[in-house]
Amino acid sequence: MGIDNDTIADLKQFISATVSQNTMDIRQDISGIKGDISGIKGDIQRLDKKIDDLTDSVASAMHSTDEAVDEQLQSHEKRITKLEQKPA
């Protein structure tokens, strides 16, 4: 009961088919991962854009608020100055 050439050829064919199938599965997995990475890059770029827009909006709002507060402080300063001058 020895191993003949036909058995060896069958084993070679089986091993080759198994390796080929597993290699194909790995290639498909890698392709899927590449697609996922591309999608993630796009998501990150959109997120960066939103963060930039938010940053600009916050900076603009703070600038407007600073101007309004400064204007109000100047108005109060004028009124206080007038009030201080009356008793004198």
C-alpha atoms as a PDB file:
ATOM      1  CA  MET A   1       0.000   0.000   0.000  1.00  0.00           C
ATOM      2  CA  GLY A   2       2.362   2.679  -1.192  1.00  0.00           C
ATOM      3  CA  ILE A   3       1.785   6.085  -2.607  1.00  0.00           C
ATOM      4  CA  ASP A   4       1.814   6.028  -6.379  1.00  0.00           C
ATOM      5  CA  ASN A   5       2.407   8.813  -8.879  1.00  0.00           C
ATOM      6  CA  ASP A   6      -1.338   9.388  -9.384  1.00  0.00           C
ATOM      7  CA  THR A   7      -1.842   9.954  -5.645  1.00  0.00           C
ATOM      8  CA  ILE A   8       1.109  12.346  -5.568  1.00  0.00           C
ATOM      9  CA  ALA A   9      -0.286  14.225  -8.587  1.00  0.00           C
ATOM     10  CA  ASP A  10      -3.711  14.429  -6.907  1.00  0.00           C
ATOM     11  CA  LEU A  11      -2.130  15.753  -3.719  1.00  0.00           C
ATOM     12  CA  LYS A  12      -0.153  18.351  -5.692  1.00  0.00           C
ATOM     13  CA  GLN A  13      -3.317  19.426  -7.490  1.00  0.00           C
ATOM     14  CA  PHE A  14      -5.246  19.617  -4.196  1.00  0.00           C
ATOM     15  CA  ILE A  15      -2.491  21.647  -2.519  1.00  0.00           C
ATOM     16  CA  SER A  16      -2.200  23.974  -5.508  1.00  0.00           C
ATOM     17  CA  ALA A  17      -5.975  24.550  -5.627  1.00  0.00           C
ATOM     18  CA  THR A  18      -6.123  25.165  -1.856  1.00  0.00           C
ATOM     19  CA  VAL A  19      -3.244  27.666  -1.944  1.00  0.00           C
ATOM     20  CA  SER A  20      -4.731  29.377  -4.994  1.00  0.00           C
ATOM     21  CA  GLN A  21      -8.167  29.703  -3.332  1.00  0.00           C
ATOM     22  CA  ASN A  22      -6.684  31.042  -0.100  1.00  0.00           C
ATOM     23  CA  THR A  23      -4.532  33.492  -2.036  1.00  0.00           C
ATOM     24  CA  MET A  24      -7.614  34.711  -3.919  1.00  0.00           C
ATOM     25  CA  ASP A  25      -9.492  35.158  -0.616  1.00  0.00           C
ATOM     26  CA  ILE A  26      -6.600  37.190   0.780  1.00  0.00           C
ATOM     27  CA  ARG A  27      -6.495  39.361  -2.364  1.00  0.00           C
ATOM     28  CA  GLN A  28     -10.226  40.023  -2.067  1.00  0.00           C
ATOM     29  CA  ASP A  29      -9.835  40.921   1.608  1.00  0.00           C
ATOM     30  CA  ILE A  30      -7.002  43.330   0.751  1.00  0.00           C
ATOM     31  CA  SER A  31      -9.102  44.930  -1.995  1.00  0.00           C
ATOM     32  CA  GLY A  32     -11.946  45.414   0.488  1.00  0.00           C
ATOM     33  CA  ILE A  33      -9.587  46.978   3.008  1.00  0.00           C
ATOM     34  CA  LYS A  34      -8.229  49.361   0.345  1.00  0.00           C
ATOM     35  CA  GLY A  35     -11.799  50.425  -0.435  1.00  0.00           C
ATOM     36  CA  ASP A  36     -12.524  50.972   3.255  1.00  0.00           C
ATOM     37  CA  ILE A  37      -9.380  53.075   3.648  1.00  0.00           C
ATOM     38  CA  SER A  38     -10.359  55.235   0.668  1.00  0.00           C
ATOM     39  CA  GLY A  39     -13.779  55.794   2.233  1.00  0.00           C
ATOM     40  CA  ILE A  40     -12.204  56.709   5.557  1.00  0.00           C
ATOM     41  CA  LYS A  41      -9.898  59.222   3.853  1.00  0.00           C
ATOM     42  CA  GLY A  42     -12.928  60.881   2.258  1.00  0.00           C
ATOM     43  CA  ASP A  43     -14.712  60.976   5.618  1.00  0.00           C
ATOM     44  CA  ILE A  44     -11.671  62.578   7.251  1.00  0.00           C
ATOM     45  CA  GLN A  45     -11.466  65.213   4.503  1.00  0.00           C
ATOM     46  CA  ARG A  46     -15.170  66.069   4.940  1.00  0.00           C
ATOM     47  CA  LEU A  47     -14.698  66.222   8.715  1.00  0.00           C
ATOM     48  CA  ASP A  48     -11.679  68.517   8.315  1.00  0.00           C
ATOM     49  CA  LYS A  49     -13.764  70.831   6.113  1.00  0.00           C
ATOM     50  CA  LYS A  50     -16.566  70.937   8.689  1.00  0.00           C
ATOM     51  CA  ILE A  51     -14.082  71.673  11.480  1.00  0.00           C
ATOM     52  CA  ASP A  52     -12.555  74.494   9.421  1.00  0.00           C
ATOM     53  CA  ASP A  53     -16.015  75.937   8.742  1.00  0.00           C
ATOM     54  CA  LEU A  54     -16.927  75.713  12.428  1.00  0.00           C
ATOM     55  CA  THR A  55     -13.654  77.337  13.438  1.00  0.00           C
ATOM     56  CA  ASP A  56     -14.269  80.204  11.026  1.00  0.00           C
ATOM     57  CA  SER A  57     -17.829  80.651  12.310  1.00  0.00           C
ATOM     58  CA  VAL A  58     -16.716  80.690  15.948  1.00  0.00           C
ATOM     59  CA  ALA A  59     -13.920  83.158  15.198  1.00  0.00           C
ATOM     60  CA  SER A  60     -16.334  85.435  13.341  1.00  0.00           C
ATOM     61  CA  ALA A  61     -18.893  85.265  16.151  1.00  0.00           C
ATOM     62  CA  MET A  62     -16.235  86.038  18.759  1.00  0.00           C
ATOM     63  CA  HIS A  63     -14.994  89.003  16.726  1.00  0.00           C
ATOM     64  CA  SER A  64     -18.541  90.371  16.409  1.00  0.00           C
ATOM     65  CA  THR A  65     -19.158  89.853  20.111  1.00  0.00           C
ATOM     66  CA  ASP A  66     -15.870  91.552  20.998  1.00  0.00           C
ATOM     67  CA  GLU A  67     -16.813  94.571  18.888  1.00  0.00           C
ATOM     68  CA  ALA A  68     -20.266  94.783  20.486  1.00  0.00           C
ATOM     69  CA  VAL A  69     -18.856  94.473  24.005  1.00  0.00           C
ATOM     70  CA  ASP A  70     -16.181  97.088  23.244  1.00  0.00           C
ATOM     71  CA  GLU A  71     -18.823  99.448  21.889  1.00  0.00           C
ATOM     72  CA  GLN A  72     -20.977  98.914  24.976  1.00  0.00           C
ATOM     73  CA  LEU A  73     -18.009  99.506  27.290  1.00  0.00           C
ATOM     74  CA  GLN A  74     -17.182 102.766  25.524  1.00  0.00           C
ATOM     75  CA  SER A  75     -20.802 103.856  25.895  1.00  0.00           C
ATOM     76  CA  HIS A  76     -20.755 103.016  29.603  1.00  0.00           C
ATOM     77  CA  GLU A  77     -17.461 104.847  30.021  1.00  0.00           C
ATOM     78  CA  LYS A  78     -18.949 107.994  28.454  1.00  0.00           C
ATOM     79  CA  ARG A  79     -22.022 107.759  30.693  1.00  0.00           C
ATOM     80  CA  ILE A  80     -19.910 107.202  33.808  1.00  0.00           C
ATOM     81  CA  THR A  81     -17.685 110.140  32.881  1.00  0.00           C
ATOM     82  CA  LYS A  82     -20.780 112.358  32.514  1.00  0.00           C
ATOM     83  CA  LEU A  83     -22.139 111.135  35.850  1.00  0.00           C
ATOM     84  CA  GLU A  84     -18.819 111.807  37.588  1.00  0.00           C
ATOM     85  CA  GLN A  85     -18.689 115.351  36.208  1.00  0.00           C
ATOM     86  CA  LYS A  86     -22.175 116.336  37.428  1.00  0.00           C
ATOM     87  CA  PRO A  87     -21.440 116.324  41.195  1.00  0.00           C
ATOM     88  CA  ALA A  88     -18.283 118.303  40.706  1.00  0.00           C
END
